[in-house]
């Protein structure tokens, strides 16, 4: 039996209007944009060869990060298609490849480090206290793996994001 060789691409969606995040960003939107770009730039061959093995495995609307899985042989085609994407749901945007990995594990390691850096920037940029609270709640869930949010933890989470121990 032959093993399927995949590549995992970590891509960042940068919006032209400079917004730091978009709560509506999801995997279906990115998948649709990728397929349209593949069909437009590589024709039926590109569309047909990628469609069955292209997956958007993870999307974080706050950091605008997407993790995309494709066949190893088609990695360059997917990266080229990302380059040609100019809009996501009629909002001007561009894709930037941050990392390419051969395994899910190495991709996860990169994502953890990158998300910590980016979330710290976003929390600092929040002006509305309720928005900041919602952001901290999201970070808390991902850090601790539970749905309960302890109001006292928001200081600890901020300190950890800023690199302070105390």
Protein backbone atom coordinates (compact mmCIF):
# COMPACT_ATOMS: atom_id res chain seq x y z
CA UNK A 1 0.00 0.00 0.00
CA UNK A 2 1.30 3.44 -0.92
CA UNK A 3 1.28 6.32 1.48
CA UNK A 4 -0.09 9.68 0.37
CA UNK A 5 2.50 12.41 0.61
CA UNK A 6 1.04 15.72 1.71
CA UNK A 7 2.34 19.20 2.31
CA UNK A 8 0.89 21.61 4.83
CA UNK A 9 1.02 25.28 3.93
CA UNK A 10 0.56 27.97 6.56
CA UNK A 11 -0.74 31.11 4.88
CA UNK A 12 -1.67 34.54 6.15
CA UNK A 13 -4.52 36.53 4.64
CA UNK A 14 -3.70 40.25 4.52
CA UNK A 15 -6.62 42.56 3.87
CA UNK A 16 -6.03 45.68 1.78
CA UNK A 17 -7.91 47.90 4.23
CA UNK A 18 -5.37 47.06 6.95
CA UNK A 19 -7.72 45.35 9.38
CA UNK A 20 -6.02 43.09 11.89
CA UNK A 21 -8.70 40.40 11.88
CA UNK A 22 -12.00 39.40 10.30
CA UNK A 23 -14.39 37.34 12.42
CA UNK A 24 -16.18 36.13 9.28
CA UNK A 25 -13.09 34.50 7.79
CA UNK A 26 -13.59 30.73 7.53
CA UNK A 27 -12.30 27.65 5.74
CA UNK A 28 -15.05 27.56 3.11
CA UNK A 29 -14.20 31.09 1.96
CA UNK A 30 -10.52 30.24 1.55
CA UNK A 31 -11.24 26.89 -0.11
CA UNK A 32 -13.56 28.58 -2.62
CA UNK A 33 -10.97 31.28 -3.40
CA UNK A 34 -8.24 28.68 -3.90
CA UNK A 35 -10.36 26.57 -6.26
CA UNK A 36 -11.36 29.63 -8.29
CA UNK A 37 -7.73 30.74 -8.59
CA UNK A 38 -6.63 27.23 -9.59
CA UNK A 39 -9.29 26.97 -12.27
CA UNK A 40 -8.61 30.47 -13.61
CA UNK A 41 -4.82 30.12 -13.74
CA UNK A 42 -4.27 26.41 -14.39
CA UNK A 43 -7.47 25.46 -16.20
CA UNK A 44 -9.26 22.16 -15.86
CA UNK A 45 -5.99 20.32 -15.27
CA UNK A 46 -5.14 22.36 -12.18
CA UNK A 47 -8.69 22.27 -10.89
CA UNK A 48 -9.09 18.53 -11.39
CA UNK A 49 -5.70 17.51 -10.02
CA UNK A 50 -6.08 19.51 -6.81
CA UNK A 51 -9.79 19.45 -5.98
CA UNK A 52 -9.88 15.98 -4.43
CA UNK A 53 -6.87 16.49 -2.15
CA UNK A 54 -7.10 20.16 -1.19
CA UNK A 55 -8.24 20.79 2.38
CA UNK A 56 -8.32 23.86 4.55
CA UNK A 57 -7.56 22.25 7.90
CA UNK A 58 -7.51 25.29 10.17
CA UNK A 59 -8.47 28.96 10.05
CA UNK A 60 -7.99 31.51 12.81
CA UNK A 61 -9.96 34.67 12.02
CA UNK A 62 -8.10 36.71 14.65
CA UNK A 63 -4.61 36.04 13.28
CA UNK A 64 -5.87 35.57 9.68
CA UNK A 65 -3.94 32.30 9.47
CA UNK A 66 -5.00 29.29 7.42
CA UNK A 67 -3.46 25.83 7.33
CA UNK A 68 -3.93 24.17 3.94
CA UNK A 69 -3.19 20.54 3.06
CA UNK A 70 -2.45 19.45 -0.50
CA UNK A 71 -0.61 16.72 -2.38
CA UNK A 72 3.15 17.07 -2.27
CA UNK A 73 3.42 17.26 -6.05
CA UNK A 74 0.87 20.07 -6.22
CA UNK A 75 2.36 22.32 -3.52
CA UNK A 76 3.89 24.74 -6.02
CA UNK A 77 0.63 24.98 -7.94
CA UNK A 78 -1.31 25.80 -4.75
CA UNK A 79 1.26 28.42 -3.75
CA UNK A 80 1.05 30.00 -7.20
CA UNK A 81 -2.76 30.02 -6.99
CA UNK A 82 -2.53 31.77 -3.59
CA UNK A 83 -0.38 34.43 -5.22
CA UNK A 84 -3.11 35.14 -7.78
CA UNK A 85 -5.92 35.52 -5.24
CA UNK A 86 -6.84 39.20 -5.02
CA UNK A 87 -10.18 39.06 -3.16
CA UNK A 88 -11.75 37.03 -0.38
CA UNK A 89 -15.55 37.38 -0.46
CA UNK A 90 -15.33 40.66 -2.42
CA UNK A 91 -12.86 42.15 0.07
CA UNK A 92 -9.45 42.97 -1.46
CA UNK A 93 -6.85 40.68 0.11
CA UNK A 94 -3.61 38.88 -0.62
CA UNK A 95 -2.18 35.60 0.66
CA UNK A 96 1.32 35.21 2.05
CA UNK A 97 2.86 31.77 2.62
CA UNK A 98 4.50 31.70 6.04
CA UNK A 99 5.59 28.07 6.31
CA UNK A 100 5.56 24.80 4.40
CA UNK A 101 5.81 21.50 6.27
CA UNK A 102 5.74 17.82 5.48
CA UNK A 103 3.92 16.83 8.65
CA UNK A 104 1.06 18.13 10.70
CA UNK A 105 3.24 18.15 13.81
CA UNK A 106 5.89 20.52 12.45
CA UNK A 107 3.13 22.74 11.11
CA UNK A 108 1.52 22.84 14.57
CA UNK A 109 4.82 23.78 16.21
CA UNK A 110 5.21 26.70 13.84
CA UNK A 111 1.58 27.77 14.36
CA UNK A 112 1.90 27.81 18.16
CA UNK A 113 4.92 30.11 18.05
CA UNK A 114 3.48 32.35 15.38
CA UNK A 115 0.04 32.64 17.01
CA UNK A 116 1.55 33.67 20.33
CA UNK A 117 3.39 36.54 18.65
CA UNK A 118 0.43 37.68 16.57
CA UNK A 119 -2.19 37.42 19.32
CA UNK A 120 -0.08 39.61 21.57
CA UNK A 121 -0.09 42.30 18.85
CA UNK A 122 -3.85 42.03 18.37
CA UNK A 123 -4.67 42.19 22.08
CA UNK A 124 -2.53 45.31 22.42
CA UNK A 125 -4.38 46.89 19.47
CA UNK A 126 -7.89 46.26 20.87
CA UNK A 127 -9.51 49.52 21.91
CA UNK A 128 -12.90 48.26 23.07
CA UNK A 129 -12.79 46.50 26.49
CA UNK A 130 -15.49 44.00 25.47
CA UNK A 131 -13.58 43.13 22.31
CA UNK A 132 -10.40 42.62 24.35
CA UNK A 133 -12.34 40.42 26.81
CA UNK A 134 -13.68 38.30 23.94
CA UNK A 135 -10.17 37.98 22.53
CA UNK A 136 -8.77 36.92 25.90
CA UNK A 137 -11.59 34.40 26.26
CA UNK A 138 -10.61 32.92 22.89
CA UNK A 139 -6.94 32.77 23.88
CA UNK A 140 -7.82 31.23 27.22
CA UNK A 141 -9.85 28.46 25.57
CA UNK A 142 -7.03 27.59 23.22
CA UNK A 143 -4.38 27.70 25.96
CA UNK A 144 -6.20 25.68 28.58
CA UNK A 145 -8.55 23.55 26.47
CA UNK A 146 -11.69 24.19 28.52
CA UNK A 147 -14.80 26.26 27.94
CA UNK A 148 -14.81 27.94 31.34
CA UNK A 149 -13.28 31.36 31.54
CA UNK A 150 -11.92 32.65 34.81
CA UNK A 151 -11.88 36.45 34.94
CA UNK A 152 -8.70 36.35 37.02
CA UNK A 153 -6.81 34.56 34.24
CA UNK A 154 -6.93 37.47 31.82
CA UNK A 155 -3.99 39.15 33.59
CA UNK A 156 -2.02 35.88 33.49
CA UNK A 157 -2.76 35.41 29.79
CA UNK A 158 -1.71 38.98 28.98
CA UNK A 159 1.50 38.60 30.97
CA UNK A 160 2.29 35.38 29.13
CA UNK A 161 1.60 37.02 25.77
CA UNK A 162 3.82 39.98 26.62
CA UNK A 163 6.57 37.71 27.94
CA UNK A 164 6.28 38.85 31.56
CA UNK A 165 6.46 36.22 34.27
CA UNK A 166 5.07 38.17 37.04
